[in-house]
Protein backbone atom coordinates (compact mmCIF):
# COMPACT_ATOMS: atom_id res chain seq x y z
CA MET A 1 -3.55 15.33 -3.43
CA LYS A 2 -5.17 12.23 -4.82
CA LEU A 3 -3.32 8.93 -4.88
CA THR A 4 -3.74 6.55 -7.81
CA LEU A 5 -5.80 3.36 -7.70
CA PHE A 6 -2.50 1.50 -7.98
CA THR A 7 -1.37 2.95 -4.64
CA ASP A 8 -4.81 2.44 -3.11
CA TYR A 9 -4.88 -1.24 -4.12
CA SER A 10 -1.29 -1.70 -2.95
CA ILE A 11 -2.13 -0.44 0.52
CA ARG A 12 -5.36 -2.45 0.65
CA THR A 13 -3.56 -5.64 -0.38
CA LEU A 14 -0.86 -5.18 2.26
CA LEU A 15 -3.51 -4.47 4.91
CA TYR A 16 -5.38 -7.62 3.95
CA LEU A 17 -2.25 -9.76 4.10
CA ALA A 18 -1.15 -8.21 7.40
CA SER A 19 -4.52 -9.09 8.91
CA ARG A 20 -3.99 -12.74 7.94
CA PRO A 21 -0.38 -13.56 8.80
CA GLU A 22 -1.21 -17.17 9.64
CA ARG A 23 -1.89 -18.27 6.06
CA LEU A 24 -1.37 -17.72 2.36
CA CYS A 25 -4.04 -15.71 0.55
CA SER A 26 -5.03 -15.66 -3.10
CA ILE A 27 -5.32 -12.64 -5.36
CA ALA A 28 -8.91 -13.67 -6.09
CA GLU A 29 -9.67 -13.67 -2.37
CA VAL A 30 -8.25 -10.18 -1.89
CA ALA A 31 -10.08 -8.86 -4.96
CA GLN A 32 -13.34 -10.38 -3.74
CA ALA A 33 -12.91 -8.99 -0.21
CA TYR A 34 -12.54 -5.46 -1.56
CA ARG A 35 -14.84 -5.91 -4.57
CA ILE A 36 -12.13 -4.73 -6.94
CA SER A 37 -10.84 -5.91 -10.32
CA GLN A 38 -8.79 -9.09 -10.05
CA ASN A 39 -6.95 -8.26 -13.29
CA HIS A 40 -5.85 -4.86 -11.99
CA LEU A 41 -4.93 -6.39 -8.63
CA MET A 42 -2.69 -8.95 -10.36
CA LYS A 43 -0.59 -6.08 -11.77
CA VAL A 44 -0.38 -4.49 -8.32
CA VAL A 45 0.64 -7.77 -6.67
CA ASN A 46 3.30 -8.45 -9.33
CA ASP A 47 4.83 -5.04 -8.64
CA LEU A 48 4.72 -5.59 -4.87
CA VAL A 49 6.37 -9.01 -5.28
CA ARG A 50 9.17 -7.51 -7.40
CA ALA A 51 9.70 -4.82 -4.77
CA GLY A 52 9.80 -7.35 -1.91
CA TYR A 53 6.65 -6.17 -0.13
CA ILE A 54 4.88 -9.45 -0.92
CA GLU A 55 6.14 -12.99 -1.28
CA SER A 56 4.49 -15.27 -3.83
CA VAL A 57 4.39 -19.03 -3.30
CA ARG A 58 3.75 -20.95 -6.51
CA GLY A 59 2.09 -24.28 -7.06
CA ARG A 60 -0.77 -26.11 -5.47
CA GLY A 61 -1.63 -24.56 -2.16
CA GLY A 62 0.33 -21.45 -3.11
CA GLY A 63 -0.65 -17.85 -2.65
CA ILE A 64 0.69 -14.57 -1.39
CA ARG A 65 1.78 -13.21 1.97
CA LEU A 66 3.80 -10.31 3.29
CA GLY A 67 7.41 -10.38 2.20
CA ARG A 68 8.62 -8.59 5.32
CA PRO A 69 7.28 -7.82 8.80
CA PRO A 70 4.52 -5.16 8.92
CA GLU A 71 6.65 -2.93 11.14
CA GLU A 72 9.27 -2.80 8.36
CA ILE A 73 6.84 -1.61 5.68
CA ASN A 74 6.92 2.18 5.76
CA ILE A 75 3.85 3.82 4.25
CA GLY A 76 5.74 6.84 2.90
CA THR A 77 8.26 4.60 1.16
CA LEU A 78 5.45 2.48 -0.26
CA VAL A 79 3.62 5.53 -1.63
CA ARG A 80 6.83 6.84 -3.21
CA HIS A 81 7.27 3.42 -4.83
CA THR A 82 3.74 3.14 -6.21
CA GLU A 83 3.18 6.72 -7.36
CA GLU A 84 4.67 7.75 -10.72
CA GLY A 85 5.10 11.41 -9.94
CA PHE A 86 4.14 13.98 -7.41
CA ASP A 87 3.66 17.06 -9.55
CA LEU A 88 0.61 18.69 -8.02
CA VAL A 89 0.47 21.12 -10.95
CA ASP A 90 2.49 21.44 -14.16
CA CYS A 91 4.83 24.29 -13.21
CA GLY A 92 7.38 23.18 -15.81
CA ASN A 93 5.23 24.43 -18.69
CA CYS A 94 4.06 27.63 -17.04
CA VAL A 95 5.50 30.95 -18.24
CA ILE A 96 5.37 32.53 -14.78
CA ALA A 97 6.96 29.58 -12.95
CA PRO A 98 10.35 31.31 -12.48
CA ALA A 99 8.71 34.19 -10.63
CA CYS A 100 5.77 32.37 -9.02
CA GLY A 101 5.90 31.63 -5.32
CA MET A 102 3.34 28.84 -5.64
CA THR A 103 5.96 26.33 -6.85
CA GLY A 104 7.81 26.49 -3.53
CA VAL A 105 4.59 26.36 -1.53
CA LEU A 106 3.48 23.20 -3.35
CA LYS A 107 6.88 21.55 -2.83
CA GLU A 108 6.65 22.35 0.88
CA ALA A 109 3.11 20.94 1.06
CA LEU A 110 4.15 17.75 -0.71
CA SER A 111 7.11 17.34 1.66
CA ALA A 112 4.77 17.73 4.65
CA PHE A 113 2.36 15.17 3.18
CA LEU A 114 5.12 12.60 2.68
CA ALA A 115 6.63 13.36 6.10
CA VAL A 116 3.34 12.37 7.74
CA LEU A 117 3.21 9.11 5.75
CA ASP A 118 6.84 8.43 6.72
CA ARG A 119 5.81 8.32 10.39
CA TYR A 120 3.66 5.22 9.86
CA THR A 121 4.24 1.56 9.10
CA LEU A 122 1.85 -1.14 8.01
CA SER A 123 1.89 -2.35 11.60
CA ASN A 124 0.41 0.99 12.75
CA LEU A 125 -2.42 0.61 10.25
CA VAL A 126 -3.45 -2.87 11.40
CA ASP A 127 -3.49 -2.10 15.12
CA LYS A 128 -7.22 -2.79 15.12
CA ARG A 129 -6.86 -6.38 13.88
CA GLN A 130 -10.13 -7.48 15.44
CA GLU A 131 -12.04 -4.84 13.49
CA PHE A 132 -10.37 -5.89 10.23
CA GLY A 133 -11.46 -9.47 10.77
CA GLN A 134 -15.04 -8.44 11.42
CA LEU A 135 -15.15 -6.21 8.35
CA PHE A 136 -13.92 -9.08 6.20
CA GLY A 137 -16.49 -11.42 7.74
CA ARG A 138 -14.42 -13.46 10.16
CA ASN A 139 -13.09 -13.31 13.67
CA PHE A 140 -9.42 -12.43 13.81
CA SER A 141 -7.42 -12.47 16.99
CA GLY A 142 -3.82 -12.83 17.95
CA ALA A 143 -0.67 -10.90 17.32
CA VAL A 144 0.53 -10.08 13.86
CA SER A 145 3.48 -12.32 13.26
CA PHE A 146 5.85 -12.66 10.38
CA THR A 147 6.58 -16.01 8.78
CA PRO A 148 8.16 -15.92 5.32
């Protein structure tokens, strides 16, 4: 299974924001940190704001931050939100689909995949906060805290 860039960028953005709970961040900053398209990231951030994963503060000195605590952001729920569909193959247009056992196998595999993601929150993914800070070129220490 391959997730879309939209999901990838959503997870990356949330990881970035979770590693910097003490301040507002800009979309440009996140895009630069990951070396990804700022225009595409703006679409991702707008969706995450509408869904409540991110909070946007407008005006001078504004920016983005997590919209809820990292331990309340479930990765399985996020992936379900950001992915359009989970059809691993197009069984609906296949003439043997009614008799083929592969359809059930793929549904079971997809359920197992999502069940694993459901066991994790954003907080689990940023447990190594110090390493995140070093990878982004700064020293990060302290507990992840939530301040809307």
